[in-house]
C-alpha atoms as a PDB file:
ATOM      1  CA  UNK A   1     -14.120 -20.706   3.679  1.00  0.00           C
ATOM      2  CA  UNK A   2     -11.976 -17.661   2.928  1.00  0.00           C
ATOM      3  CA  UNK A   3      -8.231 -18.065   2.462  1.00  0.00           C
ATOM      4  CA  UNK A   4      -5.998 -16.883   5.345  1.00  0.00           C
ATOM      5  CA  UNK A   5      -4.423 -14.326   2.996  1.00  0.00           C
ATOM      6  CA  UNK A   6      -7.777 -12.543   2.699  1.00  0.00           C
ATOM      7  CA  UNK A   7      -8.243 -12.492   6.475  1.00  0.00           C
ATOM      8  CA  UNK A   8      -4.795 -10.925   6.889  1.00  0.00           C
ATOM      9  CA  UNK A   9      -5.574  -8.312   4.224  1.00  0.00           C
ATOM     10  CA  UNK A  10      -8.880  -7.377   5.876  1.00  0.00           C
ATOM     11  CA  UNK A  11      -7.200  -7.077   9.270  1.00  0.00           C
ATOM     12  CA  UNK A  12      -4.536  -4.786   7.804  1.00  0.00           C
ATOM     13  CA  UNK A  13      -7.043  -2.639   5.929  1.00  0.00           C
ATOM     14  CA  UNK A  14      -9.036  -2.182   9.151  1.00  0.00           C
ATOM     15  CA  UNK A  15      -6.198   0.020  10.451  1.00  0.00           C
ATOM     16  CA  UNK A  16      -6.844   3.711   9.627  1.00  0.00           C
ATOM     17  CA  UNK A  17      -3.346   4.413   8.263  1.00  0.00           C
ATOM     18  CA  UNK A  18      -3.295   1.227   6.184  1.00  0.00           C
ATOM     19  CA  UNK A  19      -6.748   2.039   4.826  1.00  0.00           C
ATOM     20  CA  UNK A  20      -5.537   5.506   3.832  1.00  0.00           C
ATOM     21  CA  UNK A  21      -2.431   4.037   2.158  1.00  0.00           C
ATOM     22  CA  UNK A  22      -4.618   1.700   0.086  1.00  0.00           C
ATOM     23  CA  UNK A  23      -7.005   4.554  -0.718  1.00  0.00           C
ATOM     24  CA  UNK A  24      -4.199   6.906  -1.833  1.00  0.00           C
ATOM     25  CA  UNK A  25      -2.534   4.242  -3.975  1.00  0.00           C
ATOM     26  CA  UNK A  26      -5.863   3.234  -5.541  1.00  0.00           C
ATOM     27  CA  UNK A  27      -6.502   6.862  -6.455  1.00  0.00           C
ATOM     28  CA  UNK A  28      -3.017   7.938  -7.570  1.00  0.00           C
ATOM     29  CA  UNK A  29      -1.210   4.789  -8.686  1.00  0.00           C
ATOM     30  CA  UNK A  30       2.576   4.594  -8.335  1.00  0.00           C
ATOM     31  CA  UNK A  31       3.846   7.338  -6.013  1.00  0.00           C
ATOM     32  CA  UNK A  32       7.029   8.204  -4.160  1.00  0.00           C
ATOM     33  CA  UNK A  33       7.712   7.571  -0.494  1.00  0.00           C
ATOM     34  CA  UNK A  34       7.452  11.308   0.248  1.00  0.00           C
ATOM     35  CA  UNK A  35       4.033  11.664  -1.396  1.00  0.00           C
ATOM     36  CA  UNK A  36       2.833   8.596   0.473  1.00  0.00           C
ATOM     37  CA  UNK A  37       4.139  10.022   3.748  1.00  0.00           C
ATOM     38  CA  UNK A  38       2.409  13.353   3.112  1.00  0.00           C
ATOM     39  CA  UNK A  39      -0.946  11.850   2.152  1.00  0.00           C
ATOM     40  CA  UNK A  40      -1.199   8.731   4.312  1.00  0.00           C
ATOM     41  CA  UNK A  41      -1.983  10.341   7.631  1.00  0.00           C
ATOM     42  CA  UNK A  42       0.993   8.610   9.243  1.00  0.00           C
ATOM     43  CA  UNK A  43       2.382  10.783  12.026  1.00  0.00           C
ATOM     44  CA  UNK A  44       5.992   9.629  11.576  1.00  0.00           C
ATOM     45  CA  UNK A  45       8.093   8.095   8.803  1.00  0.00           C
ATOM     46  CA  UNK A  46       8.857   5.153  11.110  1.00  0.00           C
ATOM     47  CA  UNK A  47       5.125   4.445  11.494  1.00  0.00           C
ATOM     48  CA  UNK A  48       4.617   4.558   7.739  1.00  0.00           C
ATOM     49  CA  UNK A  49       7.616   2.296   7.200  1.00  0.00           C
ATOM     50  CA  UNK A  50       6.135  -0.359   9.507  1.00  0.00           C
ATOM     51  CA  UNK A  51       2.696  -0.093   7.896  1.00  0.00           C
ATOM     52  CA  UNK A  52       4.052  -0.310   4.343  1.00  0.00           C
ATOM     53  CA  UNK A  53       6.228  -3.323   5.198  1.00  0.00           C
ATOM     54  CA  UNK A  54       3.116  -5.123   6.470  1.00  0.00           C
ATOM     55  CA  UNK A  55       1.169  -4.279   3.310  1.00  0.00           C
ATOM     56  CA  UNK A  56       4.054  -5.403   1.085  1.00  0.00           C
ATOM     57  CA  UNK A  57       4.415  -8.628   3.090  1.00  0.00           C
ATOM     58  CA  UNK A  58       0.685  -9.312   2.694  1.00  0.00           C
ATOM     59  CA  UNK A  59       0.973  -8.866  -1.081  1.00  0.00           C
ATOM     60  CA  UNK A  60      -1.235  -5.772  -1.239  1.00  0.00           C
ATOM     61  CA  UNK A  61       1.470  -3.235  -2.117  1.00  0.00           C
ATOM     62  CA  UNK A  62       4.483  -3.416  -4.421  1.00  0.00           C
ATOM     63  CA  UNK A  63       7.720  -1.532  -3.635  1.00  0.00           C
ATOM     64  CA  UNK A  64      10.004  -0.229  -6.374  1.00  0.00           C
ATOM     65  CA  UNK A  65      13.403   1.389  -6.141  1.00  0.00           C
ATOM     66  CA  UNK A  66      14.332   3.358  -9.231  1.00  0.00           C
ATOM     67  CA  UNK A  67      17.773   4.779  -9.832  1.00  0.00           C
ATOM     68  CA  UNK A  68      19.973   2.610  -7.578  1.00  0.00           C
ATOM     69  CA  UNK A  69      23.464   2.478  -9.028  1.00  0.00           C
ATOM     70  CA  UNK A  70      26.061  -0.273  -8.956  1.00  0.00           C
ATOM     71  CA  UNK A  71      28.103   1.929  -6.631  1.00  0.00           C
ATOM     72  CA  UNK A  72      25.324   1.613  -4.066  1.00  0.00           C
ATOM     73  CA  UNK A  73      23.772   5.045  -4.417  1.00  0.00           C
ATOM     74  CA  UNK A  74      20.207   4.810  -3.206  1.00  0.00           C
ATOM     75  CA  UNK A  75      17.442   5.299  -5.699  1.00  0.00           C
ATOM     76  CA  UNK A  76      14.017   6.771  -5.172  1.00  0.00           C
ATOM     77  CA  UNK A  77      11.362   4.571  -3.570  1.00  0.00           C
ATOM     78  CA  UNK A  78       7.985   4.194  -5.231  1.00  0.00           C
ATOM     79  CA  UNK A  79       4.925   2.272  -4.106  1.00  0.00           C
ATOM     80  CA  UNK A  80       1.829   1.028  -5.889  1.00  0.00           C
ATOM     81  CA  UNK A  81      -0.931  -1.458  -5.260  1.00  0.00           C
ATOM     82  CA  UNK A  82      -0.016  -4.944  -6.385  1.00  0.00           C
ATOM     83  CA  UNK A  83      -2.319  -6.585  -8.930  1.00  0.00           C
ATOM     84  CA  UNK A  84      -4.071  -8.366  -6.048  1.00  0.00           C
ATOM     85  CA  UNK A  85      -4.234  -5.113  -4.068  1.00  0.00           C
ATOM     86  CA  UNK A  86      -5.840  -3.390  -7.064  1.00  0.00           C
ATOM     87  CA  UNK A  87      -8.358  -6.217  -7.459  1.00  0.00           C
ATOM     88  CA  UNK A  88      -9.219  -6.122  -3.760  1.00  0.00           C
ATOM     89  CA  UNK A  89      -9.604  -2.318  -3.739  1.00  0.00           C
ATOM     90  CA  UNK A  90     -11.828  -2.509  -6.833  1.00  0.00           C
ATOM     91  CA  UNK A  91     -13.949  -5.280  -5.293  1.00  0.00           C
ATOM     92  CA  UNK A  92     -14.440  -3.221  -2.133  1.00  0.00           C
ATOM     93  CA  UNK A  93     -15.441  -0.168  -4.151  1.00  0.00           C
ATOM     94  CA  UNK A  94     -17.873  -2.224  -6.251  1.00  0.00           C
ATOM     95  CA  UNK A  95     -19.447  -3.794  -3.161  1.00  0.00           C
ATOM     96  CA  UNK A  96     -20.308  -0.343  -1.798  1.00  0.00           C
ATOM     97  CA  UNK A  97     -22.093   0.618  -5.020  1.00  0.00           C
ATOM     98  CA  UNK A  98     -24.674  -2.103  -4.459  1.00  0.00           C
ATOM     99  CA  UNK A  99     -25.689  -0.801  -1.006  1.00  0.00           C
END
């Protein structure tokens, strides 16, 4: 039996925007919010925000904020596949090679 975490990940990846997010991150590695918005196919920043939150919650994507100061100045957001996200993306790519 597969763990529930895997079922959740597969359900999320089945969404076109989520699939594209995973694909972009697998190809490019750590990227900024703006690059992710431009390349994900999301029609609005709000849509991308919802999708990314789901992927982070599922453990597929890691979120980084670089440059936040003690005074509260916002830093720049970066995203990358988590170690598990990278392993899952690699496993999916390898499974296609055997077809």
